[in-house]
Every structure is written in structure tokens, then in C-alpha cells.
Amino acid sequence: MIKKPLPDEYPAYYETYIGLVPDGLLKDILNTQMEDLLALLSDLDEAQANFRYADNKWTVKEVIGHITDTERVMSYRLLRIARGDRTPLANYDDEQYVREASFHSRSLQNLLEELKAVRYATIHLINGLNEDAFLRKGVASKHEISARALAYIIAGHELHHVNILKEKYLTN
């Protein structure tokens, strides 16, 4: 069982995400999160999925696309660092990714299927790593970070956005 990363394993701004992850087996948490998110959103119609709670805020579809893109980027970083690759990894501009993605032109079901595929790939990656791999560190966005921290950031990032979905989008 991998334990939560120590504060010296990640930049302080990731504490927002890591602090949201409950205790337990990370692979179980990731599986449960995915099931909970699918249950939360599966019954939305396309009009609800295209809802944005304020101007310049993402739609539900864009939030799902953002969660997927971020997990894909963080999993790639996790893979590289876990494999001992010390090449610094570039920044990730999530706003640009959402702007360029055209999530509005895809169905909610299609976006949820993609999220599910990415999540399964993340779980398989995590399941295949040993303790030494989780403790390896690399550089991403000009900051040192451990593979273990990236795994927890993936879980916490989704929880962060699910909380926003519940508070701002699904209040009716």
C-alpha cells in the first residue's frame, strides 16, 4: 500500500488536492471515484452537460474533459518519473487544452467513456509500480515531485472538481 506523500515530495500548491484524498488503498479510491463520478453525471442530458454556472466558467463537459486531460498528463509524468527519467517535464496549460479541445461537440457519454479509459490506464500503471518507483523524484513544471505525489494529485484533482460540480453545477 502506498502512503500519502510527504510535503517535501511536491510543490505546496498541490496540498489542495493531496489533502482531499482519504486514507485507504489508492487503487480502491481511484476505482470508487470513477464509479461515483459516472453515477453522478450519467443521467444528465446534453443541455445539462453544456451548462456553465457563470460566464467564462467551464461547462460540465469541459470539466470532464479537463479532468481527463489532467489525469493523462499527470499519468505521463508519473510514468516518466517512476521509470527514472530525470528529464525536466514541461508546464501544462489547462486553459489552453480546454479552449482547443472542442468538448462541446462531443456527447457527455463519449467524454465519460474516455475518462473511464484513462482512469483504467492510470490504475494499471499504479498497480504495476513497486515502492521504489513511487519514491523516485523528477522535475515537472520546474518543481521537484515524486511519482507517489503525482498518483495522489490525480485522485485529489478529481475530488476537487467533483466537489465543484456538486456545489456549482448540480445544485438543482
C-alpha atoms as a PDB file:
ATOM      1  CA  MET A   1       0.000   0.000   0.000  1.00  0.00           C
ATOM      2  CA  ILE A   2       1.406   3.361  -0.953  1.00  0.00           C
ATOM      3  CA  LYS A   3       1.073   6.052   1.665  1.00  0.00           C
ATOM      4  CA  LYS A   4       0.328   9.723   1.174  1.00  0.00           C
ATOM      5  CA  PRO A   5       3.357  11.648   0.020  1.00  0.00           C
ATOM      6  CA  LEU A   6       5.315  13.800   2.429  1.00  0.00           C
ATOM      7  CA  PRO A   7       5.255  17.585   1.948  1.00  0.00           C
ATOM      8  CA  ASP A   8       8.829  17.585   0.606  1.00  0.00           C
ATOM      9  CA  GLU A   9       7.705  15.415  -2.337  1.00  0.00           C
ATOM     10  CA  TYR A  10       5.631  18.049  -4.129  1.00  0.00           C
ATOM     11  CA  PRO A  11       5.129  21.824  -4.508  1.00  0.00           C
ATOM     12  CA  ALA A  12       2.948  23.294  -1.751  1.00  0.00           C
ATOM     13  CA  TYR A  13       0.132  24.274  -4.127  1.00  0.00           C
ATOM     14  CA  TYR A  14      -0.680  20.579  -4.662  1.00  0.00           C
ATOM     15  CA  GLU A  15      -1.631  20.207  -0.999  1.00  0.00           C
ATOM     16  CA  THR A  16      -5.120  21.362  -2.024  1.00  0.00           C
ATOM     17  CA  TYR A  17      -5.525  18.117  -3.970  1.00  0.00           C
ATOM     18  CA  ILE A  18      -3.500  15.700  -1.862  1.00  0.00           C
ATOM     19  CA  GLY A  19      -5.302  16.803   1.299  1.00  0.00           C
ATOM     20  CA  LEU A  20      -8.641  15.753  -0.212  1.00  0.00           C
ATOM     21  CA  VAL A  21      -7.625  12.123  -0.708  1.00  0.00           C
ATOM     22  CA  PRO A  22      -8.962   9.908   2.088  1.00  0.00           C
ATOM     23  CA  ASP A  23      -6.936   7.189   3.752  1.00  0.00           C
ATOM     24  CA  GLY A  24      -7.076   3.777   2.126  1.00  0.00           C
ATOM     25  CA  LEU A  25      -5.767   1.873  -0.859  1.00  0.00           C
ATOM     26  CA  LEU A  26      -5.203   4.337  -3.669  1.00  0.00           C
ATOM     27  CA  LYS A  27      -6.331   1.892  -6.376  1.00  0.00           C
ATOM     28  CA  ASP A  28      -9.621   1.385  -4.497  1.00  0.00           C
ATOM     29  CA  ILE A  29     -10.044   5.138  -4.083  1.00  0.00           C
ATOM     30  CA  LEU A  30      -9.459   5.681  -7.808  1.00  0.00           C
ATOM     31  CA  ASN A  31     -11.976   2.954  -8.725  1.00  0.00           C
ATOM     32  CA  THR A  32     -14.608   4.278  -6.322  1.00  0.00           C
ATOM     33  CA  GLN A  33     -14.108   7.845  -7.545  1.00  0.00           C
ATOM     34  CA  MET A  34     -14.720   6.803 -11.118  1.00  0.00           C
ATOM     35  CA  GLU A  35     -17.863   4.868 -10.217  1.00  0.00           C
ATOM     36  CA  ASP A  36     -19.154   7.794  -8.139  1.00  0.00           C
ATOM     37  CA  LEU A  37     -18.485  10.327 -10.898  1.00  0.00           C
ATOM     38  CA  LEU A  38     -20.180   8.171 -13.516  1.00  0.00           C
ATOM     39  CA  ALA A  39     -23.211   7.748 -11.238  1.00  0.00           C
ATOM     40  CA  LEU A  40     -23.285  11.496 -10.583  1.00  0.00           C
ATOM     41  CA  LEU A  41     -23.246  12.509 -14.244  1.00  0.00           C
ATOM     42  CA  SER A  42     -24.621   9.601 -16.289  1.00  0.00           C
ATOM     43  CA  ASP A  43     -28.219  10.804 -16.150  1.00  0.00           C
ATOM     44  CA  LEU A  44     -27.503  14.364 -17.301  1.00  0.00           C
ATOM     45  CA  ASP A  45     -28.920  15.307 -20.667  1.00  0.00           C
ATOM     46  CA  GLU A  46     -26.876  17.253 -23.214  1.00  0.00           C
ATOM     47  CA  ALA A  47     -28.353  20.617 -22.177  1.00  0.00           C
ATOM     48  CA  GLN A  48     -27.331  19.974 -18.574  1.00  0.00           C
ATOM     49  CA  ALA A  49     -23.897  18.800 -19.714  1.00  0.00           C
ATOM     50  CA  ASN A  50     -23.411  22.076 -21.607  1.00  0.00           C
ATOM     51  CA  PHE A  51     -24.344  24.168 -18.541  1.00  0.00           C
ATOM     52  CA  ARG A  52     -21.878  26.694 -17.181  1.00  0.00           C
ATOM     53  CA  TYR A  53     -22.724  28.371 -13.878  1.00  0.00           C
ATOM     54  CA  ALA A  54     -21.218  31.736 -14.869  1.00  0.00           C
ATOM     55  CA  ASP A  55     -19.674  33.486 -17.857  1.00  0.00           C
ATOM     56  CA  ASN A  56     -16.098  32.363 -18.518  1.00  0.00           C
ATOM     57  CA  LYS A  57     -16.565  29.190 -16.455  1.00  0.00           C
ATOM     58  CA  TRP A  58     -16.294  25.744 -17.964  1.00  0.00           C
ATOM     59  CA  THR A  59     -19.312  23.645 -18.866  1.00  0.00           C
ATOM     60  CA  VAL A  60     -19.837  20.240 -17.259  1.00  0.00           C
ATOM     61  CA  LYS A  61     -18.425  18.683 -20.436  1.00  0.00           C
ATOM     62  CA  GLU A  62     -15.367  20.908 -20.228  1.00  0.00           C
ATOM     63  CA  VAL A  63     -14.838  19.971 -16.577  1.00  0.00           C
ATOM     64  CA  ILE A  64     -14.936  16.275 -17.524  1.00  0.00           C
ATOM     65  CA  GLY A  65     -12.559  16.886 -20.415  1.00  0.00           C
ATOM     66  CA  HIS A  66     -10.246  18.840 -18.126  1.00  0.00           C
ATOM     67  CA  ILE A  67     -10.217  16.043 -15.531  1.00  0.00           C
ATOM     68  CA  THR A  68      -9.371  13.568 -18.303  1.00  0.00           C
ATOM     69  CA  ASP A  69      -6.638  15.694 -19.864  1.00  0.00           C
ATOM     70  CA  THR A  70      -5.064  16.449 -16.496  1.00  0.00           C
ATOM     71  CA  GLU A  71      -5.093  12.792 -15.494  1.00  0.00           C
ATOM     72  CA  ARG A  72      -3.476  11.870 -18.801  1.00  0.00           C
ATOM     73  CA  VAL A  73      -0.740  14.499 -18.330  1.00  0.00           C
ATOM     74  CA  MET A  74      -0.140  13.587 -14.676  1.00  0.00           C
ATOM     75  CA  SER A  75      -0.064   9.861 -15.503  1.00  0.00           C
ATOM     76  CA  TYR A  76       2.534  10.525 -18.182  1.00  0.00           C
ATOM     77  CA  ARG A  77       4.607  12.436 -15.660  1.00  0.00           C
ATOM     78  CA  LEU A  78       4.115   9.609 -13.169  1.00  0.00           C
ATOM     79  CA  LEU A  79       5.297   7.047 -15.728  1.00  0.00           C
ATOM     80  CA  ARG A  80       8.383   9.048 -16.689  1.00  0.00           C
ATOM     81  CA  ILE A  81       9.422   9.720 -13.099  1.00  0.00           C
ATOM     82  CA  ALA A  82       8.650   6.187 -11.888  1.00  0.00           C
ATOM     83  CA  ARG A  83      10.865   4.816 -14.660  1.00  0.00           C
ATOM     84  CA  GLY A  84      13.748   7.003 -13.505  1.00  0.00           C
ATOM     85  CA  ASP A  85      13.587   9.557 -16.299  1.00  0.00           C
ATOM     86  CA  ARG A  86      15.090  12.770 -14.876  1.00  0.00           C
ATOM     87  CA  THR A  87      14.382  14.892 -17.970  1.00  0.00           C
ATOM     88  CA  PRO A  88      12.502  18.005 -16.815  1.00  0.00           C
ATOM     89  CA  LEU A  89       8.877  17.894 -17.927  1.00  0.00           C
ATOM     90  CA  ALA A  90       7.210  20.971 -19.384  1.00  0.00           C
ATOM     91  CA  ASN A  91       4.359  23.017 -17.958  1.00  0.00           C
ATOM     92  CA  TYR A  92       0.775  22.124 -18.786  1.00  0.00           C
ATOM     93  CA  ASP A  93      -1.638  24.944 -19.693  1.00  0.00           C
ATOM     94  CA  ASP A  94      -5.027  23.506 -18.769  1.00  0.00           C
ATOM     95  CA  GLU A  95      -6.906  26.587 -20.009  1.00  0.00           C
ATOM     96  CA  GLN A  96      -5.398  26.192 -23.476  1.00  0.00           C
ATOM     97  CA  TYR A  97      -6.190  22.483 -23.533  1.00  0.00           C
ATOM     98  CA  VAL A  98      -9.856  23.167 -22.753  1.00  0.00           C
ATOM     99  CA  ARG A  99     -10.033  26.002 -25.312  1.00  0.00           C
ATOM    100  CA  GLU A 100      -8.600  23.804 -28.064  1.00  0.00           C
ATOM    101  CA  ALA A 101     -10.459  20.576 -27.253  1.00  0.00           C
ATOM    102  CA  SER A 102     -13.985  21.258 -28.604  1.00  0.00           C
ATOM    103  CA  PHE A 103     -15.524  19.255 -25.777  1.00  0.00           C
ATOM    104  CA  HIS A 104     -18.879  20.880 -26.584  1.00  0.00           C
ATOM    105  CA  SER A 105     -19.016  18.967 -29.882  1.00  0.00           C
ATOM    106  CA  ARG A 106     -18.833  15.575 -28.146  1.00  0.00           C
ATOM    107  CA  SER A 107     -21.536  13.786 -26.213  1.00  0.00           C
ATOM    108  CA  LEU A 108     -21.330  13.561 -22.457  1.00  0.00           C
ATOM    109  CA  GLN A 109     -21.337   9.757 -22.731  1.00  0.00           C
ATOM    110  CA  ASN A 110     -18.360   9.881 -25.079  1.00  0.00           C
ATOM    111  CA  LEU A 111     -16.427  12.103 -22.664  1.00  0.00           C
ATOM    112  CA  LEU A 112     -17.259   9.815 -19.732  1.00  0.00           C
ATOM    113  CA  GLU A 113     -16.108   6.762 -21.706  1.00  0.00           C
ATOM    114  CA  GLU A 114     -12.794   8.467 -22.416  1.00  0.00           C
ATOM    115  CA  LEU A 115     -12.398   9.391 -18.747  1.00  0.00           C
ATOM    116  CA  LYS A 116     -13.082   5.784 -17.802  1.00  0.00           C
ATOM    117  CA  ALA A 117     -10.445   4.515 -20.266  1.00  0.00           C
ATOM    118  CA  VAL A 118      -7.850   6.966 -18.963  1.00  0.00           C
ATOM    119  CA  ARG A 119      -8.678   6.065 -15.357  1.00  0.00           C
ATOM    120  CA  TYR A 120      -8.304   2.332 -16.040  1.00  0.00           C
ATOM    121  CA  ALA A 121      -4.924   3.017 -17.660  1.00  0.00           C
ATOM    122  CA  THR A 122      -3.877   5.046 -14.601  1.00  0.00           C
ATOM    123  CA  ILE A 123      -4.927   2.264 -12.242  1.00  0.00           C
ATOM    124  CA  HIS A 124      -2.999  -0.313 -14.262  1.00  0.00           C
ATOM    125  CA  LEU A 125       0.077   1.918 -14.254  1.00  0.00           C
ATOM    126  CA  ILE A 126      -0.116   2.380 -10.480  1.00  0.00           C
ATOM    127  CA  ASN A 127      -0.696  -1.339  -9.887  1.00  0.00           C
ATOM    128  CA  GLY A 128       2.452  -2.141 -11.839  1.00  0.00           C
ATOM    129  CA  LEU A 129       4.799   0.030  -9.789  1.00  0.00           C
ATOM    130  CA  ASN A 130       6.859  -1.048  -6.805  1.00  0.00           C
ATOM    131  CA  GLU A 131       7.618   1.053  -3.737  1.00  0.00           C
ATOM    132  CA  ASP A 132      10.972   2.262  -5.070  1.00  0.00           C
ATOM    133  CA  ALA A 133       9.307   3.576  -8.228  1.00  0.00           C
ATOM    134  CA  PHE A 134       6.762   5.558  -6.206  1.00  0.00           C
ATOM    135  CA  LEU A 135       9.536   7.243  -4.243  1.00  0.00           C
ATOM    136  CA  ARG A 136      11.502   8.386  -7.297  1.00  0.00           C
ATOM    137  CA  LYS A 137      11.548  12.100  -7.949  1.00  0.00           C
ATOM    138  CA  GLY A 138      11.728  14.134 -11.092  1.00  0.00           C
ATOM    139  CA  VAL A 139      11.053  17.664 -12.262  1.00  0.00           C
ATOM    140  CA  ALA A 140       7.717  18.789 -13.683  1.00  0.00           C
ATOM    141  CA  SER A 141       6.782  22.419 -14.286  1.00  0.00           C
ATOM    142  CA  LYS A 142      10.157  23.428 -12.834  1.00  0.00           C
ATOM    143  CA  HIS A 143       9.440  21.762  -9.463  1.00  0.00           C
ATOM    144  CA  GLU A 144      10.679  18.523  -7.967  1.00  0.00           C
ATOM    145  CA  ILE A 145       7.929  15.980  -7.450  1.00  0.00           C
ATOM    146  CA  SER A 146       7.687  12.283  -6.604  1.00  0.00           C
ATOM    147  CA  ALA A 147       5.818   9.631  -8.543  1.00  0.00           C
ATOM    148  CA  ARG A 148       3.807   8.951  -5.378  1.00  0.00           C
ATOM    149  CA  ALA A 149       2.750  12.599  -5.172  1.00  0.00           C
ATOM    150  CA  LEU A 150       1.568  12.506  -8.779  1.00  0.00           C
ATOM    151  CA  ALA A 151      -0.596   9.456  -8.054  1.00  0.00           C
ATOM    152  CA  TYR A 152      -2.251  11.283  -5.174  1.00  0.00           C
ATOM    153  CA  ILE A 153      -2.601  14.501  -7.182  1.00  0.00           C
ATOM    154  CA  ILE A 154      -4.581  12.561  -9.795  1.00  0.00           C
ATOM    155  CA  ALA A 155      -7.027  11.360  -7.139  1.00  0.00           C
ATOM    156  CA  GLY A 156      -7.240  14.713  -5.379  1.00  0.00           C
ATOM    157  CA  HIS A 157      -7.656  16.689  -8.592  1.00  0.00           C
ATOM    158  CA  GLU A 158     -10.733  14.680  -9.500  1.00  0.00           C
ATOM    159  CA  LEU A 159     -12.165  15.083  -5.989  1.00  0.00           C
ATOM    160  CA  HIS A 160     -11.597  18.835  -6.206  1.00  0.00           C
ATOM    161  CA  HIS A 161     -13.577  19.082  -9.439  1.00  0.00           C
ATOM    162  CA  VAL A 162     -16.321  16.718  -8.282  1.00  0.00           C
ATOM    163  CA  ASN A 163     -16.828  18.993  -5.282  1.00  0.00           C
ATOM    164  CA  ILE A 164     -17.141  21.978  -7.638  1.00  0.00           C
ATOM    165  CA  LEU A 165     -19.576  20.062  -9.852  1.00  0.00           C
ATOM    166  CA  LYS A 166     -21.744  19.287  -6.823  1.00  0.00           C
ATOM    167  CA  GLU A 167     -21.594  22.835  -5.420  1.00  0.00           C
ATOM    168  CA  LYS A 168     -21.860  24.928  -8.596  1.00  0.00           C
ATOM    169  CA  TYR A 169     -23.384  22.809 -11.341  1.00  0.00           C
ATOM    170  CA  LEU A 170     -25.676  20.195  -9.827  1.00  0.00           C
ATOM    171  CA  THR A 171     -27.471  22.219  -7.180  1.00  0.00           C
ATOM    172  CA  ASN A 172     -30.960  21.947  -8.686  1.00  0.00           C
END
